[in-house]
Amino acid sequence: GIVTWSPTIDPEHLKLVSQELVLEHKVQLILHAWGAMPLMRDNGVGGAIFESKEGRKAIRAAVTIDCTGDGDIFHRAGAASYSDIDTRDIHHCINTAWLFGGVDMRRWIDFKTTQPEAFAAFMDRGRAACGGLFERPFVSWRNDVALFMGPRLAGYSAVDVEDLTEVDIRSHRLMAAHLAVYREHAPGFEAAYLNLSAPQIGVRHARRLVGVERVTREDWPTGVARPDEIGVSPSLSPKYPVVSVPYGALVPAELDGLLVAGRAVSCDATSHSFLREVPQCW
C-alpha cells in the first residue's frame, strides 16, 4: 500500500557517513568556504569564486554543478529561472525547524490517538498561545527527541536577506512559545527542553532553472522514461506512476559549463512540490 510513516535518520551519523563516502571517492572537500560567484569564461561558467577566512579564492572547473538549492550560482551567471508559485502554498513557506529533547513520544502518540477531544482542546490552546501558528511534532530517530518542521511562515522571499533574518527571529520565538505550551499541557513533554534549532533555515522554493528540458504536470500520468533519464521520482499521488527526470532538466537552456542539481532543477511549479523533497534531491 501507501507509506504513511517516513523513516528519519540520525543527522550526526548521516554527516559522518556522507563525509567518508565522498572522501573514499577522492573528492577534495573545502569546508568553511562560501560559493559566492561564478567564474565566467567564453560566455559560459568556468568555475566558482569562494569567500572564506582566507579571503577570495577561485576554483576552475570543466563543469560546475550548482547545488545551492536557491540557484545562486546559475542566477549570478545569467541563466534564466522560473519563480512562479502560489505564495499561499506550503511550498512557498520558509521556517527554521527545531528539536525538543527529554520527551516521551510514545506517551504523546498515545494521548493524540486515544483522547481526541483532549487533543483537540490542547491544539486550540496552543494556537491561542502562539497566534495561530502552532505545530504538532513529528517522530524522529529517537523516542526522546521530537522534531518540529514548522510553523511554516508565508510571504517571505528565500533570496532576501532581511526576509531570511525575520524568519529566523520569528521561528526562534515560536520555538520558545511551543516549549512553554507543550511542557505545561502535553503528556510526554513535561521535561522537554530546547535541544537544537536547525543550523540552516528551511527553504522550500526560491528559483527553478529554465532548462533544456523540464518535468511538467503532463508527464505524471505517462510513466514513460525519458531517453536521457538520470533518475526517477515518486509522483505527487499514488494513483500516478513514477516520474522520469531527464538530464536536460539539469542543463541551462542558454549557458555552457554548468549543471544544476537539487530542488532548483527545471520543472513547473506543481512538479516542484515533490521534486524538491530530500530523497529526490539525493
Protein backbone atom coordinates (compact mmCIF):
# COMPACT_ATOMS: atom_id res chain seq x y z
CA GLY A 1 0.00 0.00 0.00
CA ILE A 2 0.87 3.54 0.86
CA VAL A 3 3.72 4.57 3.16
CA THR A 4 2.26 6.72 5.93
CA TRP A 5 5.25 6.74 8.28
CA SER A 6 8.51 8.06 6.89
CA PRO A 7 11.82 6.90 8.35
CA THR A 8 14.08 9.53 9.87
CA ILE A 9 17.85 9.44 10.02
CA ASP A 10 20.26 10.30 12.83
CA PRO A 11 21.72 13.54 11.43
CA GLU A 12 25.15 13.18 13.02
CA HIS A 13 25.65 9.69 11.60
CA LEU A 14 24.45 10.97 8.21
CA LYS A 15 27.03 13.79 8.28
CA LEU A 16 29.84 11.38 9.11
CA VAL A 17 28.83 8.72 6.56
CA SER A 18 28.42 11.38 3.84
CA GLN A 19 31.84 12.80 4.63
CA GLU A 20 33.54 9.41 4.47
CA LEU A 21 31.72 8.47 1.26
CA VAL A 22 32.99 11.48 -0.68
CA LEU A 23 36.49 11.16 0.77
CA GLU A 24 36.62 7.50 -0.30
CA HIS A 25 35.90 8.70 -3.84
CA LYS A 26 38.88 11.08 -3.69
CA VAL A 27 36.78 14.25 -3.54
CA GLN A 28 38.74 17.19 -2.16
CA LEU A 29 36.48 18.81 0.41
CA ILE A 30 36.80 22.51 1.13
CA LEU A 31 34.64 23.39 4.11
CA HIS A 32 34.10 26.82 5.70
CA ALA A 33 34.02 28.49 2.28
CA TRP A 34 31.05 30.18 0.63
CA GLY A 35 30.46 29.72 -3.09
CA ALA A 36 29.86 33.37 -3.89
CA MET A 37 30.07 33.93 -7.64
CA PRO A 38 30.50 32.00 -10.89
CA LEU A 39 33.80 32.32 -12.70
CA MET A 40 32.81 33.25 -16.25
CA ARG A 41 34.77 32.17 -19.33
CA ASP A 42 33.85 32.28 -23.05
CA ASN A 43 30.16 33.02 -22.36
CA GLY A 44 29.99 30.05 -20.01
CA VAL A 45 30.87 29.06 -16.47
CA GLY A 46 34.46 28.05 -15.89
CA GLY A 47 34.40 27.51 -12.13
CA ALA A 48 33.41 29.37 -8.99
CA ILE A 49 34.71 32.10 -6.71
CA PHE A 50 34.68 31.31 -2.99
CA GLU A 51 34.90 33.56 0.05
CA SER A 52 36.43 32.23 3.27
CA LYS A 53 38.58 33.16 6.26
CA GLU A 54 41.48 33.23 3.80
CA GLY A 55 39.74 35.77 1.60
CA ARG A 56 38.74 35.16 -2.00
CA LYS A 57 39.69 32.04 -3.93
CA ALA A 58 38.80 30.88 -7.45
CA ILE A 59 38.44 27.22 -8.38
CA ARG A 60 38.42 26.48 -12.10
CA ALA A 61 36.44 23.55 -13.45
CA ALA A 62 35.44 21.99 -16.74
CA VAL A 63 31.92 21.61 -15.32
CA THR A 64 30.49 23.44 -12.32
CA ILE A 65 27.46 21.98 -10.53
CA ASP A 66 25.13 24.37 -8.72
CA CYS A 67 23.70 22.56 -5.68
CA THR A 68 22.95 25.73 -3.73
CA GLY A 69 19.22 24.90 -3.75
CA ASP A 70 18.37 28.54 -4.42
CA GLY A 71 20.19 28.56 -7.76
CA ASP A 72 22.61 31.25 -6.59
CA ILE A 73 25.40 30.33 -9.00
CA PHE A 74 23.32 29.88 -12.14
CA HIS A 75 21.37 33.06 -11.35
CA ARG A 76 24.54 35.12 -10.97
CA ALA A 77 25.88 33.59 -14.17
CA GLY A 78 22.86 34.98 -16.03
CA ALA A 79 20.84 31.81 -16.58
CA ALA A 80 17.07 32.26 -16.60
CA SER A 81 14.80 30.90 -13.90
CA TYR A 82 11.14 30.31 -13.16
CA SER A 83 9.76 31.89 -10.00
CA ASP A 84 6.01 31.32 -10.39
CA ILE A 85 4.48 29.70 -7.32
CA ASP A 86 1.39 30.20 -5.16
CA THR A 87 2.56 32.36 -2.26
CA ARG A 88 -0.19 30.87 -0.07
CA ASP A 89 1.06 27.34 -0.68
CA ILE A 90 3.21 25.30 1.71
CA HIS A 91 5.89 25.02 -0.96
CA HIS A 92 6.49 28.78 -0.76
CA CYS A 93 6.81 28.82 3.04
CA ILE A 94 10.06 29.21 4.98
CA ASN A 95 10.96 28.41 8.57
CA THR A 96 13.68 27.22 10.92
CA ALA A 97 12.94 23.74 12.22
CA TRP A 98 13.91 22.59 15.71
CA LEU A 99 14.24 19.62 18.07
CA PHE A 100 12.96 19.18 21.62
CA GLY A 101 14.81 16.69 23.83
CA GLY A 102 13.70 14.96 27.03
CA VAL A 103 10.33 13.86 25.63
CA ASP A 104 8.42 10.57 25.58
CA MET A 105 6.95 10.31 22.10
CA ARG A 106 5.12 7.06 22.89
CA ARG A 107 3.11 8.81 25.60
CA TRP A 108 2.43 11.71 23.23
CA ILE A 109 1.22 9.42 20.43
CA ASP A 110 -0.98 7.52 22.88
CA PHE A 111 -2.53 10.81 24.01
CA LYS A 112 -3.05 12.03 20.44
CA THR A 113 -4.66 8.80 19.23
CA THR A 114 -6.77 7.75 22.25
CA GLN A 115 -8.01 11.09 23.59
CA PRO A 116 -9.26 13.02 20.54
CA GLU A 117 -11.27 15.58 22.49
CA ALA A 118 -8.41 16.37 24.87
CA PHE A 119 -6.01 16.52 21.94
CA ALA A 120 -8.28 18.96 20.07
CA ALA A 121 -8.53 21.14 23.19
CA PHE A 122 -4.73 21.09 23.51
CA MET A 123 -4.29 22.21 19.90
CA ASP A 124 -6.80 25.03 20.41
CA ARG A 125 -4.88 26.15 23.50
CA GLY A 126 -1.61 26.09 21.55
CA ARG A 127 -3.00 28.09 18.64
CA ALA A 128 -4.30 30.71 21.06
CA ALA A 129 -0.92 30.97 22.78
CA CYS A 130 1.12 31.11 19.55
CA GLY A 131 -1.00 33.44 17.45
CA GLY A 132 -2.48 30.61 15.37
CA LEU A 133 0.96 29.26 14.34
CA PHE A 134 1.03 26.03 16.33
CA GLU A 135 2.56 22.74 15.20
CA ARG A 136 2.44 19.09 16.14
CA PRO A 137 5.73 17.21 16.47
CA PHE A 138 6.99 14.57 14.07
CA VAL A 139 8.60 11.40 15.36
CA SER A 140 12.38 11.39 14.98
CA TRP A 141 15.07 8.72 15.09
CA ARG A 142 14.76 8.55 18.91
CA ASN A 143 11.80 8.25 21.25
CA ASP A 144 13.18 11.05 23.44
CA VAL A 145 13.60 13.59 20.60
CA ALA A 146 10.67 15.42 18.95
CA LEU A 147 11.02 17.07 15.54
CA PHE A 148 9.11 20.25 14.68
CA MET A 149 9.12 21.08 10.95
CA GLY A 150 7.16 24.32 11.36
CA PRO A 151 5.36 26.61 11.86
CA ARG A 152 5.73 27.44 8.20
CA LEU A 153 5.89 31.19 7.54
CA ALA A 154 4.41 32.57 4.31
CA GLY A 155 5.04 35.78 2.39
CA TYR A 156 8.83 35.83 2.64
CA SER A 157 11.49 35.58 -0.06
CA ALA A 158 14.19 32.93 0.21
CA VAL A 159 16.65 35.22 -1.60
CA ASP A 160 16.12 38.35 0.51
CA VAL A 161 18.50 38.61 3.49
CA GLU A 162 16.16 40.77 5.58
CA ASP A 163 13.30 38.30 5.00
CA LEU A 164 15.51 35.36 5.97
CA THR A 165 16.59 37.18 9.13
CA GLU A 166 12.98 37.93 10.09
CA VAL A 167 12.01 34.27 9.55
CA ASP A 168 14.83 33.11 11.82
CA ILE A 169 13.78 35.57 14.53
CA ARG A 170 10.12 34.57 14.34
CA SER A 171 10.94 30.85 14.25
CA HIS A 172 13.08 31.02 17.40
CA ARG A 173 10.39 32.95 19.26
CA LEU A 174 7.82 30.35 18.19
CA MET A 175 10.15 27.58 19.36
CA ALA A 176 10.19 29.04 22.88
CA ALA A 177 6.41 29.60 22.84
CA HIS A 178 5.82 25.98 21.76
CA LEU A 179 8.04 24.69 24.55
CA ALA A 180 6.04 26.55 27.18
CA VAL A 181 2.72 25.13 25.94
CA TYR A 182 4.00 21.58 25.48
CA ARG A 183 5.73 21.40 28.85
CA GLU A 184 2.63 22.57 30.68
CA HIS A 185 -0.08 20.69 28.80
CA ALA A 186 1.24 17.84 26.61
CA PRO A 187 1.70 14.31 28.02
CA GLY A 188 5.25 13.18 27.41
CA PHE A 189 6.63 16.72 27.25
CA GLU A 190 6.78 17.59 30.97
CA ALA A 191 10.59 17.52 30.98
CA ALA A 192 11.12 18.76 27.41
CA TYR A 193 13.95 21.17 26.68
CA LEU A 194 15.32 23.12 23.72
CA ASN A 195 17.67 20.65 22.03
CA LEU A 196 18.64 22.23 18.71
CA SER A 197 17.35 24.80 16.27
CA ALA A 198 18.29 23.91 12.71
CA PRO A 199 21.74 25.19 11.69
CA GLN A 200 20.27 26.18 8.32
CA ILE A 201 16.94 27.82 7.53
CA GLY A 202 14.38 25.61 5.83
CA VAL A 203 13.62 26.88 2.32
CA ARG A 204 11.24 25.06 0.00
CA HIS A 205 11.31 27.25 -3.09
CA ALA A 206 13.41 30.10 -4.47
CA ARG A 207 14.35 29.70 -8.16
CA ARG A 208 13.82 26.93 -10.71
CA LEU A 209 16.16 26.63 -13.67
CA VAL A 210 14.94 27.25 -17.23
CA GLY A 211 16.49 24.11 -18.67
CA VAL A 212 16.89 22.37 -21.99
CA GLU A 213 14.05 20.12 -20.76
CA ARG A 214 11.79 20.17 -17.73
CA VAL A 215 9.44 17.99 -15.71
CA THR A 216 5.80 19.08 -16.03
CA ARG A 217 2.35 18.10 -14.83
CA GLU A 218 1.68 16.47 -18.21
CA ASP A 219 4.43 13.92 -17.50
CA TRP A 220 2.76 12.44 -14.44
CA PRO A 221 0.24 10.01 -15.99
CA THR A 222 2.55 8.63 -18.68
CA GLY A 223 5.15 6.67 -16.71
CA VAL A 224 7.40 6.95 -19.77
CA ALA A 225 11.17 7.02 -19.23
CA ARG A 226 12.85 9.96 -20.94
CA PRO A 227 15.66 8.93 -23.33
CA ASP A 228 18.13 10.91 -21.20
CA GLU A 229 16.71 9.82 -17.83
CA ILE A 230 19.08 10.34 -14.89
CA GLY A 231 16.63 9.43 -12.12
CA VAL A 232 13.04 8.67 -11.20
CA SER A 233 10.80 10.32 -8.64
CA PRO A 234 7.61 9.25 -6.93
CA SER A 235 4.72 11.35 -8.22
CA LEU A 236 2.54 13.59 -6.09
CA SER A 237 -0.15 10.90 -5.69
CA PRO A 238 -0.03 7.08 -5.58
CA LYS A 239 -2.52 7.00 -8.46
CA TYR A 240 0.26 8.13 -10.84
CA PRO A 241 3.34 6.14 -11.90
CA VAL A 242 6.86 7.30 -11.11
CA VAL A 243 8.06 10.38 -12.95
CA SER A 244 11.15 10.34 -15.17
CA VAL A 245 13.72 13.09 -14.55
CA PRO A 246 15.71 13.93 -17.71
CA TYR A 247 19.32 15.06 -17.87
CA GLY A 248 18.10 18.13 -19.77
CA ALA A 249 16.33 19.34 -16.61
CA LEU A 250 19.80 19.89 -15.11
CA VAL A 251 21.17 21.77 -18.14
CA PRO A 252 20.61 25.54 -18.53
CA ALA A 253 18.91 26.44 -21.79
CA GLU A 254 21.48 29.09 -22.72
CA LEU A 255 24.59 28.63 -20.59
CA ASP A 256 27.52 26.24 -21.02
CA GLY A 257 29.79 24.66 -18.41
CA LEU A 258 27.13 24.38 -15.72
CA LEU A 259 24.72 21.78 -14.34
CA VAL A 260 22.04 22.37 -11.71
CA ALA A 261 21.00 19.67 -9.26
CA GLY A 262 18.69 19.55 -6.25
CA ARG A 263 15.42 21.43 -5.85
CA ALA A 264 16.32 24.06 -8.47
CA VAL A 265 16.07 21.64 -11.42
CA SER A 266 13.93 22.66 -14.38
CA CYS A 267 10.25 21.88 -13.72
CA ASP A 268 6.86 23.51 -13.39
CA ALA A 269 5.60 24.75 -10.03
CA THR A 270 3.32 21.76 -9.45
CA SER A 271 6.02 19.17 -10.12
CA HIS A 272 8.41 21.11 -7.87
CA SER A 273 6.18 20.19 -4.93
CA PHE A 274 7.65 16.68 -4.92
CA LEU A 275 10.92 17.11 -6.83
CA ARG A 276 12.15 19.37 -4.00
CA GLU A 277 11.93 16.56 -1.42
CA VAL A 278 15.08 15.15 0.19
CA PRO A 279 15.07 11.66 -1.44
CA GLN A 280 14.54 13.14 -4.91
CA CYS A 281 17.40 15.62 -4.42
CA TRP A 282 19.69 12.80 -3.30
